[in-house]
């Protein structure tokens, strides 16, 4: 599941697309399920930067 979300981000047309926020959310969720909290925090920061 994680690779699908990451592939979606790589294939995205631009960073300002709203679908990329959903993809980041999926990646964060997956990392939390895997108990890889540092990676989840990294993507959380990226998501906040993109949204702002």
C-alpha atoms as a PDB file:
ATOM      1  CA  UNK A   1       0.000   0.000   0.000  1.00  0.00           C
ATOM      2  CA  UNK A   2       2.845   2.358   0.847  1.00  0.00           C
ATOM      3  CA  UNK A   3       4.472   1.894  -2.544  1.00  0.00           C
ATOM      4  CA  UNK A   4       1.192   2.692  -4.298  1.00  0.00           C
ATOM      5  CA  UNK A   5       0.852   5.990  -2.424  1.00  0.00           C
ATOM      6  CA  UNK A   6       4.475   6.891  -3.108  1.00  0.00           C
ATOM      7  CA  UNK A   7       4.130   6.008  -6.782  1.00  0.00           C
ATOM      8  CA  UNK A   8       1.082   8.269  -6.964  1.00  0.00           C
ATOM      9  CA  UNK A   9       3.128  11.163  -5.579  1.00  0.00           C
ATOM     10  CA  UNK A  10       5.919  10.526  -8.065  1.00  0.00           C
ATOM     11  CA  UNK A  11       3.511  10.412 -10.999  1.00  0.00           C
ATOM     12  CA  UNK A  12       1.541  13.468  -9.903  1.00  0.00           C
ATOM     13  CA  UNK A  13       1.278  16.343 -12.329  1.00  0.00           C
ATOM     14  CA  UNK A  14       2.100  19.053  -9.799  1.00  0.00           C
ATOM     15  CA  UNK A  15       2.566  19.529  -6.073  1.00  0.00           C
ATOM     16  CA  UNK A  16      -0.414  21.864  -5.746  1.00  0.00           C
ATOM     17  CA  UNK A  17      -2.930  19.214  -6.745  1.00  0.00           C
ATOM     18  CA  UNK A  18      -5.320  18.303  -3.919  1.00  0.00           C
ATOM     19  CA  UNK A  19      -4.907  14.583  -4.605  1.00  0.00           C
ATOM     20  CA  UNK A  20      -1.330  14.820  -3.378  1.00  0.00           C
ATOM     21  CA  UNK A  21      -2.635  15.804   0.076  1.00  0.00           C
ATOM     22  CA  UNK A  22      -4.699  12.608   0.142  1.00  0.00           C
ATOM     23  CA  UNK A  23      -1.649  10.613  -0.958  1.00  0.00           C
ATOM     24  CA  UNK A  24       0.435  12.169   1.824  1.00  0.00           C
ATOM     25  CA  UNK A  25      -2.334  11.282   4.269  1.00  0.00           C
ATOM     26  CA  UNK A  26      -2.266   7.669   3.091  1.00  0.00           C
ATOM     27  CA  UNK A  27       1.501   7.511   3.471  1.00  0.00           C
ATOM     28  CA  UNK A  28       1.293   8.968   6.984  1.00  0.00           C
ATOM     29  CA  UNK A  29      -1.414   6.456   7.925  1.00  0.00           C
ATOM     30  CA  UNK A  30       0.640   3.557   6.563  1.00  0.00           C
ATOM     31  CA  UNK A  31       3.813   4.620   8.365  1.00  0.00           C
ATOM     32  CA  UNK A  32       1.847   4.936  11.611  1.00  0.00           C
ATOM     33  CA  UNK A  33       0.464   1.411  11.146  1.00  0.00           C
ATOM     34  CA  UNK A  34       4.023   0.184  10.604  1.00  0.00           C
ATOM     35  CA  UNK A  35       5.075   2.074  13.757  1.00  0.00           C
ATOM     36  CA  UNK A  36       7.597   4.090  11.762  1.00  0.00           C
ATOM     37  CA  UNK A  37       6.756   7.334  13.471  1.00  0.00           C
ATOM     38  CA  UNK A  38       9.803   9.298  12.282  1.00  0.00           C
ATOM     39  CA  UNK A  39       8.847   8.677   8.668  1.00  0.00           C
ATOM     40  CA  UNK A  40       5.245   9.605   9.419  1.00  0.00           C
ATOM     41  CA  UNK A  41       6.410  12.892  10.939  1.00  0.00           C
ATOM     42  CA  UNK A  42       8.534  13.654   7.873  1.00  0.00           C
ATOM     43  CA  UNK A  43       5.540  13.278   5.590  1.00  0.00           C
ATOM     44  CA  UNK A  44       3.367  15.226   8.026  1.00  0.00           C
ATOM     45  CA  UNK A  45       5.745  18.168   7.740  1.00  0.00           C
ATOM     46  CA  UNK A  46       5.719  17.886   3.949  1.00  0.00           C
ATOM     47  CA  UNK A  47       1.925  17.839   3.954  1.00  0.00           C
ATOM     48  CA  UNK A  48       1.722  20.945   6.149  1.00  0.00           C
ATOM     49  CA  UNK A  49       4.237  22.786   3.957  1.00  0.00           C
ATOM     50  CA  UNK A  50       2.294  21.916   0.828  1.00  0.00           C
ATOM     51  CA  UNK A  51      -1.048  22.914   2.328  1.00  0.00           C
ATOM     52  CA  UNK A  52       0.285  26.255   3.525  1.00  0.00           C
END
